[in-house]
Each structure stands twice: as C-alpha cells, then as structure tokens.
Amino acid sequence: GRGDPRGNGDTVDSGADVRPGGRQRAFMNWEAYSESHLALYRN
C-alpha cells in the first residue's frame, strides 16, 4: 500500500517487489495483456 517502506513511498506501485525490475510476485494482470502472446501458450 501507499508508503510501503520497500519503495519510495510516493505511490502504491513504487518498485516494492522481490527485487528491482523483477516482479516475481507481482499482482496478476487479468485485464491488460497481449492476446497473441497468451494465444500461443493456449495453443
């Protein structure tokens, strides 16, 4: 949440993940994604 000490504290998405640039445990993006990318996985 806002003020997360692992980030800069200004926004709720302030780089607070396992490591910079990683997003190993990011919140799942159900709405925004590449349809063609997902299609290959499904196929």
PDB file of all heavy atoms in Angstrom:
ATOM      1  N   GLY A   1       0.823  -1.200   0.000  1.00  0.00           N
ATOM      2  CA  GLY A   1       0.000   0.000   0.000  1.00  0.00           C
ATOM      3  C   GLY A   1       0.858   1.251   0.000  1.00  0.00           C
ATOM      4  O   GLY A   1       2.090   1.214  -0.004  1.00  0.00           O
ATOM      5  N   ARG A   2       0.193   2.387   0.014  1.00  0.00           N
ATOM      6  CA  ARG A   2       0.901   3.659  -0.014  1.00  0.00           C
ATOM      7  C   ARG A   2       1.831   3.786   1.192  1.00  0.00           C
ATOM      8  O   ARG A   2       1.475   3.488   2.313  1.00  0.00           O
ATOM      9  CB  ARG A   2      -0.112   4.804  -0.032  1.00  0.00           C
ATOM     10  CG  ARG A   2       0.435   6.123  -0.550  1.00  0.00           C
ATOM     11  CD  ARG A   2      -0.679   7.132  -0.681  1.00  0.00           C
ATOM     12  NE  ARG A   2      -1.677   6.713  -1.668  1.00  0.00           N
ATOM     13  CZ  ARG A   2      -1.538   6.919  -2.977  1.00  0.00           C
ATOM     14  NH1 ARG A   2      -0.455   7.509  -3.441  1.00  0.00           N
ATOM     15  NH2 ARG A   2      -2.481   6.526  -3.802  1.00  0.00           N
ATOM     16  N   GLY A   3       3.077   4.190   0.914  1.00  0.00           N
ATOM     17  CA  GLY A   3       4.054   4.307   1.986  1.00  0.00           C
ATOM     18  C   GLY A   3       4.818   3.020   2.258  1.00  0.00           C
ATOM     19  O   GLY A   3       5.508   2.922   3.276  1.00  0.00           O
ATOM     20  N   ASP A   4       4.716   2.054   1.395  1.00  0.00           N
ATOM     21  CA  ASP A   4       5.466   0.798   1.547  1.00  0.00           C
ATOM     22  C   ASP A   4       6.959   1.125   1.716  1.00  0.00           C
ATOM     23  O   ASP A   4       7.559   1.763   0.850  1.00  0.00           O
ATOM     24  CB  ASP A   4       5.252  -0.071   0.301  1.00  0.00           C
ATOM     25  CG  ASP A   4       5.805  -1.487   0.468  1.00  0.00           C
ATOM     26  OD1 ASP A   4       6.777  -1.652   1.237  1.00  0.00           O
ATOM     27  OD2 ASP A   4       5.287  -2.409  -0.169  1.00  0.00           O
ATOM     28  N   PRO A   5       7.564   0.731   2.830  1.00  0.00           N
ATOM     29  CA  PRO A   5       8.968   1.095   3.083  1.00  0.00           C
ATOM     30  C   PRO A   5       9.949   0.496   2.085  1.00  0.00           C
ATOM     31  O   PRO A   5      11.090   0.944   1.988  1.00  0.00           O
ATOM     32  CB  PRO A   5       9.221   0.562   4.496  1.00  0.00           C
ATOM     33  CG  PRO A   5       8.213  -0.528   4.680  1.00  0.00           C
ATOM     34  CD  PRO A   5       6.996  -0.074   3.927  1.00  0.00           C
ATOM     35  N   ARG A   6       9.536  -0.511   1.314  1.00  0.00           N
ATOM     36  CA  ARG A   6      10.442  -1.120   0.349  1.00  0.00           C
ATOM     37  C   ARG A   6      10.543  -0.302  -0.929  1.00  0.00           C
ATOM     38  O   ARG A   6      11.399  -0.563  -1.772  1.00  0.00           O
ATOM     39  CB  ARG A   6       9.974  -2.538   0.011  1.00  0.00           C
ATOM     40  CG  ARG A   6       9.985  -3.468   1.199  1.00  0.00           C
ATOM     41  CD  ARG A   6       9.342  -4.790   0.858  1.00  0.00           C
ATOM     42  NE  ARG A   6       7.928  -4.602   0.528  1.00  0.00           N
ATOM     43  CZ  ARG A   6       7.141  -5.570   0.051  1.00  0.00           C
ATOM     44  NH1 ARG A   6       7.636  -6.769  -0.152  1.00  0.00           N
ATOM     45  NH2 ARG A   6       5.877  -5.329  -0.212  1.00  0.00           N
ATOM     46  N   GLY A   7       9.651   0.696  -1.089  1.00  0.00           N
ATOM     47  CA  GLY A   7       9.700   1.557  -2.262  1.00  0.00           C
ATOM     48  C   GLY A   7      10.003   2.981  -1.844  1.00  0.00           C
ATOM     49  O   GLY A   7      10.482   3.246  -0.741  1.00  0.00           O
ATOM     50  N   ASN A   8       9.704   3.946  -2.728  1.00  0.00           N
ATOM     51  CA  ASN A   8       9.986   5.335  -2.371  1.00  0.00           C
ATOM     52  C   ASN A   8       8.853   5.969  -1.578  1.00  0.00           C
ATOM     53  O   ASN A   8       8.946   7.109  -1.155  1.00  0.00           O
ATOM     54  CB  ASN A   8      10.294   6.163  -3.632  1.00  0.00           C
ATOM     55  CG  ASN A   8       9.138   6.138  -4.640  1.00  0.00           C
ATOM     56  OD1 ASN A   8       7.982   5.984  -4.257  1.00  0.00           O
ATOM     57  ND2 ASN A   8       9.458   6.280  -5.910  1.00  0.00           N
ATOM     58  N   GLY A   9       7.755   5.217  -1.418  1.00  0.00           N
ATOM     59  CA  GLY A   9       6.687   5.687  -0.560  1.00  0.00           C
ATOM     60  C   GLY A   9       5.719   6.643  -1.197  1.00  0.00           C
ATOM     61  O   GLY A   9       4.718   7.018  -0.577  1.00  0.00           O
ATOM     62  N   ASP A  10       5.964   7.078  -2.436  1.00  0.00           N
ATOM     63  CA  ASP A  10       5.099   8.085  -3.049  1.00  0.00           C
ATOM     64  C   ASP A  10       3.851   7.471  -3.667  1.00  0.00           C
ATOM     65  O   ASP A  10       2.800   8.112  -3.720  1.00  0.00           O
ATOM     66  CB  ASP A  10       5.868   8.851  -4.129  1.00  0.00           C
ATOM     67  CG  ASP A  10       7.012   9.673  -3.531  1.00  0.00           C
ATOM     68  OD1 ASP A  10       6.894  10.028  -2.335  1.00  0.00           O
ATOM     69  OD2 ASP A  10       7.991   9.922  -4.237  1.00  0.00           O
ATOM     70  N   THR A  11       3.955   6.249  -4.175  1.00  0.00           N
ATOM     71  CA  THR A  11       2.814   5.606  -4.820  1.00  0.00           C
ATOM     72  C   THR A  11       2.700   4.188  -4.308  1.00  0.00           C
ATOM     73  O   THR A  11       3.621   3.655  -3.690  1.00  0.00           O
ATOM     74  CB  THR A  11       2.976   5.571  -6.357  1.00  0.00           C
ATOM     75  OG1 THR A  11       4.098   4.743  -6.674  1.00  0.00           O
ATOM     76  CG2 THR A  11       3.204   6.971  -6.916  1.00  0.00           C
ATOM     77  N   VAL A  12       1.559   3.561  -4.592  1.00  0.00           N
ATOM     78  CA  VAL A  12       1.389   2.185  -4.147  1.00  0.00           C
ATOM     79  C   VAL A  12       2.228   1.233  -4.992  1.00  0.00           C
ATOM     80  O   VAL A  12       2.540   0.131  -4.560  1.00  0.00           O
ATOM     81  CB  VAL A  12      -0.094   1.760  -4.209  1.00  0.00           C
ATOM     82  CG1 VAL A  12      -0.899   2.510  -3.186  1.00  0.00           C
ATOM     83  CG2 VAL A  12      -0.673   1.923  -5.592  1.00  0.00           C
ATOM     84  N   ASP A  13       2.576   1.642  -6.204  1.00  0.00           N
ATOM     85  CA  ASP A  13       3.408   0.793  -7.057  1.00  0.00           C
ATOM     86  C   ASP A  13       4.782   1.439  -7.188  1.00  0.00           C
ATOM     87  O   ASP A  13       5.141   2.000  -8.204  1.00  0.00           O
ATOM     88  CB  ASP A  13       2.764   0.629  -8.435  1.00  0.00           C
ATOM     89  CG  ASP A  13       3.531  -0.381  -9.297  1.00  0.00           C
ATOM     90  OD1 ASP A  13       4.343  -1.118  -8.729  1.00  0.00           O
ATOM     91  OD2 ASP A  13       3.300  -0.409 -10.512  1.00  0.00           O
ATOM     92  N   SER A  14       5.547   1.388  -6.115  1.00  0.00           N
ATOM     93  CA  SER A  14       6.821   2.104  -6.071  1.00  0.00           C
ATOM     94  C   SER A  14       8.018   1.169  -6.111  1.00  0.00           C
ATOM     95  O   SER A  14       9.007   1.366  -5.439  1.00  0.00           O
ATOM     96  CB  SER A  14       6.868   2.970  -4.806  1.00  0.00           C
ATOM     97  OG  SER A  14       6.620   2.177  -3.657  1.00  0.00           O
ATOM     98  N   GLY A  15       7.889   0.114  -6.898  1.00  0.00           N
ATOM     99  CA  GLY A  15       9.022  -0.796  -7.038  1.00  0.00           C
ATOM    100  C   GLY A  15       9.129  -1.814  -5.927  1.00  0.00           C
ATOM    101  O   GLY A  15      10.148  -2.462  -5.770  1.00  0.00           O
ATOM    102  N   ALA A  16       8.071  -1.945  -5.120  1.00  0.00           N
ATOM    103  CA  ALA A  16       8.135  -2.849  -3.973  1.00  0.00           C
ATOM    104  C   ALA A  16       7.829  -4.272  -4.402  1.00  0.00           C
ATOM    105  O   ALA A  16       6.719  -4.765  -4.259  1.00  0.00           O
ATOM    106  CB  ALA A  16       7.146  -2.387  -2.900  1.00  0.00           C
ATOM    107  N   ASP A  17       8.807  -4.932  -4.972  1.00  0.00           N
ATOM    108  CA  ASP A  17       8.658  -6.338  -5.326  1.00  0.00           C
ATOM    109  C   ASP A  17       9.873  -7.061  -4.765  1.00  0.00           C
ATOM    110  O   ASP A  17      10.614  -6.500  -3.945  1.00  0.00           O
ATOM    111  CB  ASP A  17       8.542  -6.507  -6.848  1.00  0.00           C
ATOM    112  CG  ASP A  17       7.665  -7.696  -7.227  1.00  0.00           C
ATOM    113  OD1 ASP A  17       7.865  -8.771  -6.642  1.00  0.00           O
ATOM    114  OD2 ASP A  17       6.782  -7.545  -8.085  1.00  0.00           O
ATOM    115  N   VAL A  18      10.106  -8.282  -5.174  1.00  0.00           N
ATOM    116  CA  VAL A  18      11.187  -9.060  -4.582  1.00  0.00           C
ATOM    117  C   VAL A  18      12.534  -8.403  -4.817  1.00  0.00           C
ATOM    118  O   VAL A  18      13.369  -8.325  -3.946  1.00  0.00           O
ATOM    119  CB  VAL A  18      11.175 -10.495  -5.152  1.00  0.00           C
ATOM    120  CG1 VAL A  18      12.324 -11.303  -4.587  1.00  0.00           C
ATOM    121  CG2 VAL A  18       9.855 -11.162  -4.805  1.00  0.00           C
ATOM    122  N   ARG A  19      12.745  -7.909  -6.023  1.00  0.00           N
ATOM    123  CA  ARG A  19      13.977  -7.176  -6.329  1.00  0.00           C
ATOM    124  C   ARG A  19      13.690  -6.211  -7.460  1.00  0.00           C
ATOM    125  O   ARG A  19      12.713  -6.391  -8.193  1.00  0.00           O
ATOM    126  CB  ARG A  19      15.110  -8.133  -6.700  1.00  0.00           C
ATOM    127  CG  ARG A  19      14.871  -8.993  -7.917  1.00  0.00           C
ATOM    128  CD  ARG A  19      16.130  -9.765  -8.304  1.00  0.00           C
ATOM    129  NE  ARG A  19      16.457 -10.805  -7.346  1.00  0.00           N
ATOM    130  CZ  ARG A  19      16.016 -12.053  -7.441  1.00  0.00           C
ATOM    131  NH1 ARG A  19      15.233 -12.399  -8.447  1.00  0.00           N
ATOM    132  NH2 ARG A  19      16.350 -12.954  -6.563  1.00  0.00           N
ATOM    133  N   PRO A  20      14.511  -5.173  -7.621  1.00  0.00           N
ATOM    134  CA  PRO A  20      14.234  -4.186  -8.670  1.00  0.00           C
ATOM    135  C   PRO A  20      14.120  -4.825 -10.047  1.00  0.00           C
ATOM    136  O   PRO A  20      14.954  -5.631 -10.443  1.00  0.00           O
ATOM    137  CB  PRO A  20      15.452  -3.255  -8.594  1.00  0.00           C
ATOM    138  CG  PRO A  20      15.933  -3.371  -7.192  1.00  0.00           C
ATOM    139  CD  PRO A  20      15.679  -4.806  -6.814  1.00  0.00           C
ATOM    140  N   GLY A  21      13.057  -4.461 -10.748  1.00  0.00           N
ATOM    141  CA  GLY A  21      12.875  -4.947 -12.099  1.00  0.00           C
ATOM    142  C   GLY A  21      12.390  -6.369 -12.200  1.00  0.00           C
ATOM    143  O   GLY A  21      12.239  -6.895 -13.298  1.00  0.00           O
ATOM    144  N   GLY A  22      12.110  -7.016 -11.079  1.00  0.00           N
ATOM    145  CA  GLY A  22      11.817  -8.435 -11.122  1.00  0.00           C
ATOM    146  C   GLY A  22      10.361  -8.790 -11.346  1.00  0.00           C
ATOM    147  O   GLY A  22      10.022  -9.511 -12.235  1.00  0.00           O
ATOM    148  N   ARG A  23       9.494  -8.246 -10.471  1.00  0.00           N
ATOM    149  CA  ARG A  23       8.073  -8.576 -10.480  1.00  0.00           C
ATOM    150  C   ARG A  23       7.832 -10.083 -10.405  1.00  0.00           C
ATOM    151  O   ARG A  23       6.925 -10.616 -11.033  1.00  0.00           O
ATOM    152  CB  ARG A  23       7.378  -7.975 -11.707  1.00  0.00           C
ATOM    153  CG  ARG A  23       7.465  -6.455 -11.723  1.00  0.00           C
ATOM    154  CD  ARG A  23       6.350  -5.803 -12.495  1.00  0.00           C
ATOM    155  NE  ARG A  23       6.386  -4.361 -12.275  1.00  0.00           N
ATOM    156  CZ  ARG A  23       5.532  -3.512 -12.812  1.00  0.00           C
ATOM    157  NH1 ARG A  23       4.580  -3.944 -13.603  1.00  0.00           N
ATOM    158  NH2 ARG A  23       5.616  -2.226 -12.559  1.00  0.00           N
ATOM    159  N   GLN A  24       8.671 -10.753  -9.617  1.00  0.00           N
ATOM    160  CA  GLN A  24       8.489 -12.195  -9.466  1.00  0.00           C
ATOM    161  C   GLN A  24       7.143 -12.526  -8.836  1.00  0.00           C
ATOM    162  O   GLN A  24       6.563 -13.566  -9.116  1.00  0.00           O
ATOM    163  CB  GLN A  24       9.607 -12.784  -8.589  1.00  0.00           C
ATOM    164  CG  GLN A  24      10.950 -12.890  -9.287  1.00  0.00           C
ATOM    165  CD  GLN A  24      11.751 -11.611  -9.169  1.00  0.00           C
ATOM    166  OE1 GLN A  24      11.213 -10.555  -8.856  1.00  0.00           O
ATOM    167  NE2 GLN A  24      13.042 -11.704  -9.420  1.00  0.00           N
ATOM    168  N   ARG A  25       6.647 -11.648  -7.963  1.00  0.00           N
ATOM    169  CA  ARG A  25       5.394 -11.932  -7.251  1.00  0.00           C
ATOM    170  C   ARG A  25       4.389 -10.806  -7.456  1.00  0.00           C
ATOM    171  O   ARG A  25       3.624 -10.467  -6.563  1.00  0.00           O
ATOM    172  CB  ARG A  25       5.677 -12.129  -5.772  1.00  0.00           C
ATOM    173  CG  ARG A  25       6.699 -13.235  -5.515  1.00  0.00           C
ATOM    174  CD  ARG A  25       7.064 -13.349  -4.053  1.00  0.00           C
ATOM    175  NE  ARG A  25       8.151 -14.313  -3.858  1.00  0.00           N
ATOM    176  CZ  ARG A  25       8.694 -14.567  -2.673  1.00  0.00           C
ATOM    177  NH1 ARG A  25       8.277 -13.936  -1.596  1.00  0.00           N
ATOM    178  NH2 ARG A  25       9.669 -15.450  -2.578  1.00  0.00           N
ATOM    179  N   ALA A  26       4.394 -10.223  -8.648  1.00  0.00           N
ATOM    180  CA  ALA A  26       3.518  -9.091  -8.938  1.00  0.00           C
ATOM    181  C   ALA A  26       2.051  -9.505  -8.890  1.00  0.00           C
ATOM    182  O   ALA A  26       1.711 -10.689  -8.976  1.00  0.00           O
ATOM    183  CB  ALA A  26       3.851  -8.511 -10.310  1.00  0.00           C
ATOM    184  N   PHE A  27       1.179  -8.486  -8.760  1.00  0.00           N
ATOM    185  CA  PHE A  27      -0.252  -8.732  -8.828  1.00  0.00           C
ATOM    186  C   PHE A  27      -0.619  -9.118 -10.266  1.00  0.00           C
ATOM    187  O   PHE A  27      -0.165  -8.494 -11.224  1.00  0.00           O
ATOM    188  CB  PHE A  27      -1.027  -7.488  -8.411  1.00  0.00           C
ATOM    189  CG  PHE A  27      -0.805  -7.097  -6.968  1.00  0.00           C
ATOM    190  CD1 PHE A  27      -0.617  -5.778  -6.612  1.00  0.00           C
ATOM    191  CD2 PHE A  27      -0.801  -8.057  -5.964  1.00  0.00           C
ATOM    192  CE1 PHE A  27      -0.420  -5.411  -5.288  1.00  0.00           C
ATOM    193  CE2 PHE A  27      -0.609  -7.710  -4.644  1.00  0.00           C
ATOM    194  CZ  PHE A  27      -0.417  -6.385  -4.302  1.00  0.00           C
ATOM    195  N   MET A  28      -1.456 -10.129 -10.404  1.00  0.00           N
ATOM    196  CA  MET A  28      -1.792 -10.681 -11.714  1.00  0.00           C
ATOM    197  C   MET A  28      -2.539  -9.660 -12.572  1.00  0.00           C
ATOM    198  O   MET A  28      -3.458  -8.984 -12.100  1.00  0.00           O
ATOM    199  CB  MET A  28      -2.650 -11.928 -11.546  1.00  0.00           C
ATOM    200  CG  MET A  28      -2.913 -12.670 -12.823  1.00  0.00           C
ATOM    201  SD  MET A  28      -1.405 -13.413 -13.492  1.00  0.00           S
ATOM    202  CE  MET A  28      -2.121 -14.501 -14.721  1.00  0.00           C
ATOM    203  N   ASN A  29      -2.134  -9.547 -13.811  1.00  0.00           N
ATOM    204  CA  ASN A  29      -2.786  -8.619 -14.753  1.00  0.00           C
ATOM    205  C   ASN A  29      -3.850  -9.376 -15.554  1.00  0.00           C
ATOM    206  O   ASN A  29      -3.597  -9.934 -16.598  1.00  0.00           O
ATOM    207  CB  ASN A  29      -1.742  -8.003 -15.695  1.00  0.00           C
ATOM    208  CG  ASN A  29      -0.860  -9.032 -16.374  1.00  0.00           C
ATOM    209  OD1 ASN A  29      -0.138  -9.783 -15.714  1.00  0.00           O
ATOM    210  ND2 ASN A  29      -0.897  -9.076 -17.689  1.00  0.00           N
ATOM    211  N   TRP A  30      -5.063  -9.380 -15.015  1.00  0.00           N
ATOM    212  CA  TRP A  30      -6.158 -10.095 -15.667  1.00  0.00           C
ATOM    213  C   TRP A  30      -6.719  -9.311 -16.850  1.00  0.00           C
ATOM    214  O   TRP A  30      -7.217  -9.906 -17.811  1.00  0.00           O
ATOM    215  CB  TRP A  30      -7.278 -10.369 -14.671  1.00  0.00           C
ATOM    216  CG  TRP A  30      -6.877 -11.280 -13.557  1.00  0.00           C
ATOM    217  CD1 TRP A  30      -6.738 -10.961 -12.237  1.00  0.00           C
ATOM    218  CD2 TRP A  30      -6.563 -12.674 -13.654  1.00  0.00           C
ATOM    219  NE1 TRP A  30      -6.356 -12.061 -11.513  1.00  0.00           N
ATOM    220  CE2 TRP A  30      -6.243 -13.125 -12.354  1.00  0.00           C
ATOM    221  CE3 TRP A  30      -6.514 -13.581 -14.722  1.00  0.00           C
ATOM    222  CZ2 TRP A  30      -5.885 -14.442 -12.084  1.00  0.00           C
ATOM    223  CZ3 TRP A  30      -6.163 -14.893 -14.455  1.00  0.00           C
ATOM    224  CH2 TRP A  30      -5.854 -15.312 -13.153  1.00  0.00           C
ATOM    225  N   GLU A  31      -6.654  -7.992 -16.793  1.00  0.00           N
ATOM    226  CA  GLU A  31      -7.316  -7.178 -17.820  1.00  0.00           C
ATOM    227  C   GLU A  31      -6.390  -6.797 -18.963  1.00  0.00           C
ATOM    228  O   GLU A  31      -6.753  -6.892 -20.137  1.00  0.00           O
ATOM    229  CB  GLU A  31      -7.892  -5.905 -17.171  1.00  0.00           C
ATOM    230  CG  GLU A  31      -8.860  -6.173 -16.019  1.00  0.00           C
ATOM    231  CD  GLU A  31     -10.093  -6.942 -16.473  1.00  0.00           C
ATOM    232  OE1 GLU A  31     -10.493  -6.781 -17.639  1.00  0.00           O
ATOM    233  OE2 GLU A  31     -10.654  -7.706 -15.655  1.00  0.00           O
ATOM    234  N   ALA A  32      -5.189  -6.328 -18.645  1.00  0.00           N
ATOM    235  CA  ALA A  32      -4.253  -5.860 -19.681  1.00  0.00           C
ATOM    236  C   ALA A  32      -3.242  -6.950 -19.995  1.00  0.00           C
ATOM    237  O   ALA A  32      -2.501  -7.386 -19.115  1.00  0.00           O
ATOM    238  CB  ALA A  32      -3.538  -4.589 -19.203  1.00  0.00           C
ATOM    239  N   TYR A  33      -3.211  -7.378 -21.241  1.00  0.00           N
ATOM    240  CA  TYR A  33      -2.254  -8.403 -21.660  1.00  0.00           C
ATOM    241  C   TYR A  33      -2.253  -8.472 -23.177  1.00  0.00           C
ATOM    242  O   TYR A  33      -3.106  -7.879 -23.848  1.00  0.00           O
ATOM    243  CB  TYR A  33      -2.627  -9.768 -21.075  1.00  0.00           C
ATOM    244  CG  TYR A  33      -4.000 -10.267 -21.459  1.00  0.00           C
ATOM    245  CD1 TYR A  33      -4.196 -11.047 -22.599  1.00  0.00           C
ATOM    246  CD2 TYR A  33      -5.114  -9.941 -20.681  1.00  0.00           C
ATOM    247  CE1 TYR A  33      -5.450 -11.499 -22.964  1.00  0.00           C
ATOM    248  CE2 TYR A  33      -6.377 -10.383 -21.035  1.00  0.00           C
ATOM    249  CZ  TYR A  33      -6.540 -11.159 -22.174  1.00  0.00           C
ATOM    250  OH  TYR A  33      -7.784 -11.595 -22.530  1.00  0.00           O
ATOM    251  N   SER A  34      -1.277  -9.190 -23.724  1.00  0.00           N
ATOM    252  CA  SER A  34      -1.191  -9.401 -25.165  1.00  0.00           C
ATOM    253  C   SER A  34      -1.973 -10.656 -25.533  1.00  0.00           C
ATOM    254  O   SER A  34      -1.659 -11.745 -25.074  1.00  0.00           O
ATOM    255  CB  SER A  34       0.268  -9.543 -25.601  1.00  0.00           C
ATOM    256  OG  SER A  34       0.357 -10.080 -26.902  1.00  0.00           O
ATOM    257  N   GLU A  35      -2.996 -10.499 -26.362  1.00  0.00           N
ATOM    258  CA  GLU A  35      -3.823 -11.641 -26.747  1.00  0.00           C
ATOM    259  C   GLU A  35      -3.032 -12.665 -27.556  1.00  0.00           C
ATOM    260  O   GLU A  35      -3.209 -13.874 -27.385  1.00  0.00           O
ATOM    261  CB  GLU A  35      -5.039 -11.160 -27.531  1.00  0.00           C
ATOM    262  CG  GLU A  35      -6.044 -10.369 -26.689  1.00  0.00           C
ATOM    263  CD  GLU A  35      -7.296 -10.038 -27.464  1.00  0.00           C
ATOM    264  OE1 GLU A  35      -7.425 -10.504 -28.616  1.00  0.00           O
ATOM    265  OE2 GLU A  35      -8.151  -9.318 -26.918  1.00  0.00           O
ATOM    266  N   SER A  36      -2.162 -12.201 -28.458  1.00  0.00           N
ATOM    267  CA  SER A  36      -1.395 -13.131 -29.287  1.00  0.00           C
ATOM    268  C   SER A  36      -0.383 -13.908 -28.447  1.00  0.00           C
ATOM    269  O   SER A  36      -0.117 -15.094 -28.706  1.00  0.00           O
ATOM    270  CB  SER A  36      -0.689 -12.380 -30.415  1.00  0.00           C
ATOM    271  OG  SER A  36       0.211 -11.405 -29.906  1.00  0.00           O
ATOM    272  N   HIS A  37       0.184 -13.258 -27.435  1.00  0.00           N
ATOM    273  CA  HIS A  37       1.122 -13.918 -26.531  1.00  0.00           C
ATOM    274  C   HIS A  37       0.415 -15.052 -25.788  1.00  0.00           C
ATOM    275  O   HIS A  37       0.883 -16.189 -25.759  1.00  0.00           O
ATOM    276  CB  HIS A  37       1.683 -12.883 -25.557  1.00  0.00           C
ATOM    277  CG  HIS A  37       2.728 -13.413 -24.621  1.00  0.00           C
ATOM    278  ND1 HIS A  37       4.066 -13.451 -24.940  1.00  0.00           N
ATOM    279  CD2 HIS A  37       2.634 -13.918 -23.360  1.00  0.00           C
ATOM    280  CE1 HIS A  37       4.760 -13.950 -23.929  1.00  0.00           C
ATOM    281  NE2 HIS A  37       3.910 -14.244 -22.958  1.00  0.00           N
ATOM    282  N   LEU A  38      -0.735 -14.739 -25.200  1.00  0.00           N
ATOM    283  CA  LEU A  38      -1.497 -15.734 -24.458  1.00  0.00           C
ATOM    284  C   LEU A  38      -1.989 -16.845 -25.380  1.00  0.00           C
ATOM    285  O   LEU A  38      -2.035 -18.017 -24.989  1.00  0.00           O
ATOM    286  CB  LEU A  38      -2.679 -15.065 -23.757  1.00  0.00           C
ATOM    287  CG  LEU A  38      -3.613 -15.969 -22.949  1.00  0.00           C
ATOM    288  CD1 LEU A  38      -2.857 -16.678 -21.838  1.00  0.00           C
ATOM    289  CD2 LEU A  38      -4.774 -15.158 -22.377  1.00  0.00           C
ATOM    290  N   ALA A  39      -2.323 -16.501 -26.616  1.00  0.00           N
ATOM    291  CA  ALA A  39      -2.851 -17.490 -27.558  1.00  0.00           C
ATOM    292  C   ALA A  39      -1.834 -18.593 -27.838  1.00  0.00           C
ATOM    293  O   ALA A  39      -2.198 -19.767 -27.946  1.00  0.00           O
ATOM    294  CB  ALA A  39      -3.273 -16.810 -28.856  1.00  0.00           C
ATOM    295  N   LEU A  40      -0.550 -18.223 -27.955  1.00  0.00           N
ATOM    296  CA  LEU A  40       0.458 -19.249 -28.215  1.00  0.00           C
ATOM    297  C   LEU A  40       0.547 -20.230 -27.051  1.00  0.00           C
ATOM    298  O   LEU A  40       0.651 -21.445 -27.244  1.00  0.00           O
ATOM    299  CB  LEU A  40       1.827 -18.632 -28.490  1.00  0.00           C
ATOM    300  CG  LEU A  40       2.915 -19.672 -28.776  1.00  0.00           C
ATOM    301  CD1 LEU A  40       2.690 -20.314 -30.145  1.00  0.00           C
ATOM    302  CD2 LEU A  40       4.301 -19.085 -28.703  1.00  0.00           C
ATOM    303  N   TYR A  41       0.500 -19.705 -25.833  1.00  0.00           N
ATOM    304  CA  TYR A  41       0.511 -20.582 -24.669  1.00  0.00           C
ATOM    305  C   TYR A  41      -0.657 -21.557 -24.720  1.00  0.00           C
ATOM    306  O   TYR A  41      -0.502 -22.766 -24.518  1.00  0.00           O
ATOM    307  CB  TYR A  41       0.445 -19.754 -23.384  1.00  0.00           C
ATOM    308  CG  TYR A  41       1.788 -19.269 -22.891  1.00  0.00           C
ATOM    309  CD1 TYR A  41       2.423 -18.169 -23.478  1.00  0.00           C
ATOM    310  CD2 TYR A  41       2.427 -19.896 -21.831  1.00  0.00           C
ATOM    311  CE1 TYR A  41       3.652 -17.733 -23.023  1.00  0.00           C
ATOM    312  CE2 TYR A  41       3.650 -19.468 -21.366  1.00  0.00           C
ATOM    313  CZ  TYR A  41       4.259 -18.379 -21.969  1.00  0.00           C
ATOM    314  OH  TYR A  41       5.480 -17.949 -21.532  1.00  0.00           O
ATOM    315  N   ARG A  42      -1.847 -21.025 -24.995  1.00  0.00           N
ATOM    316  CA  ARG A  42      -3.038 -21.875 -25.022  1.00  0.00           C
ATOM    317  C   ARG A  42      -2.949 -22.919 -26.134  1.00  0.00           C
ATOM    318  O   ARG A  42      -3.295 -24.086 -25.941  1.00  0.00           O
ATOM    319  CB  ARG A  42      -4.278 -21.009 -25.203  1.00  0.00           C
ATOM    320  CG  ARG A  42      -4.671 -20.270 -23.930  1.00  0.00           C
ATOM    321  CD  ARG A  42      -5.863 -19.379 -24.153  1.00  0.00           C
ATOM    322  NE  ARG A  42      -6.448 -18.957 -22.880  1.00  0.00           N
ATOM    323  CZ  ARG A  42      -7.248 -17.907 -22.746  1.00  0.00           C
ATOM    324  NH1 ARG A  42      -7.548 -17.184 -23.810  1.00  0.00           N
ATOM    325  NH2 ARG A  42      -7.736 -17.585 -21.567  1.00  0.00           N
ATOM    326  N   ASN A  43      -2.499 -22.499 -27.315  1.00  0.00           N
ATOM    327  CA  ASN A  43      -2.421 -23.419 -28.452  1.00  0.00           C
ATOM    328  C   ASN A  43      -1.425 -24.551 -28.195  1.00  0.00           C
ATOM    329  O   ASN A  43      -1.688 -25.711 -28.529  1.00  0.00           O
ATOM    330  CB  ASN A  43      -2.036 -22.658 -29.720  1.00  0.00           C
ATOM    331  CG  ASN A  43      -3.136 -21.733 -30.202  1.00  0.00           C
ATOM    332  OD1 ASN A  43      -4.300 -21.886 -29.818  1.00  0.00           O
ATOM    333  ND2 ASN A  43      -2.786 -20.765 -31.032  1.00  0.00           N
TER     334      ASN A  43
END
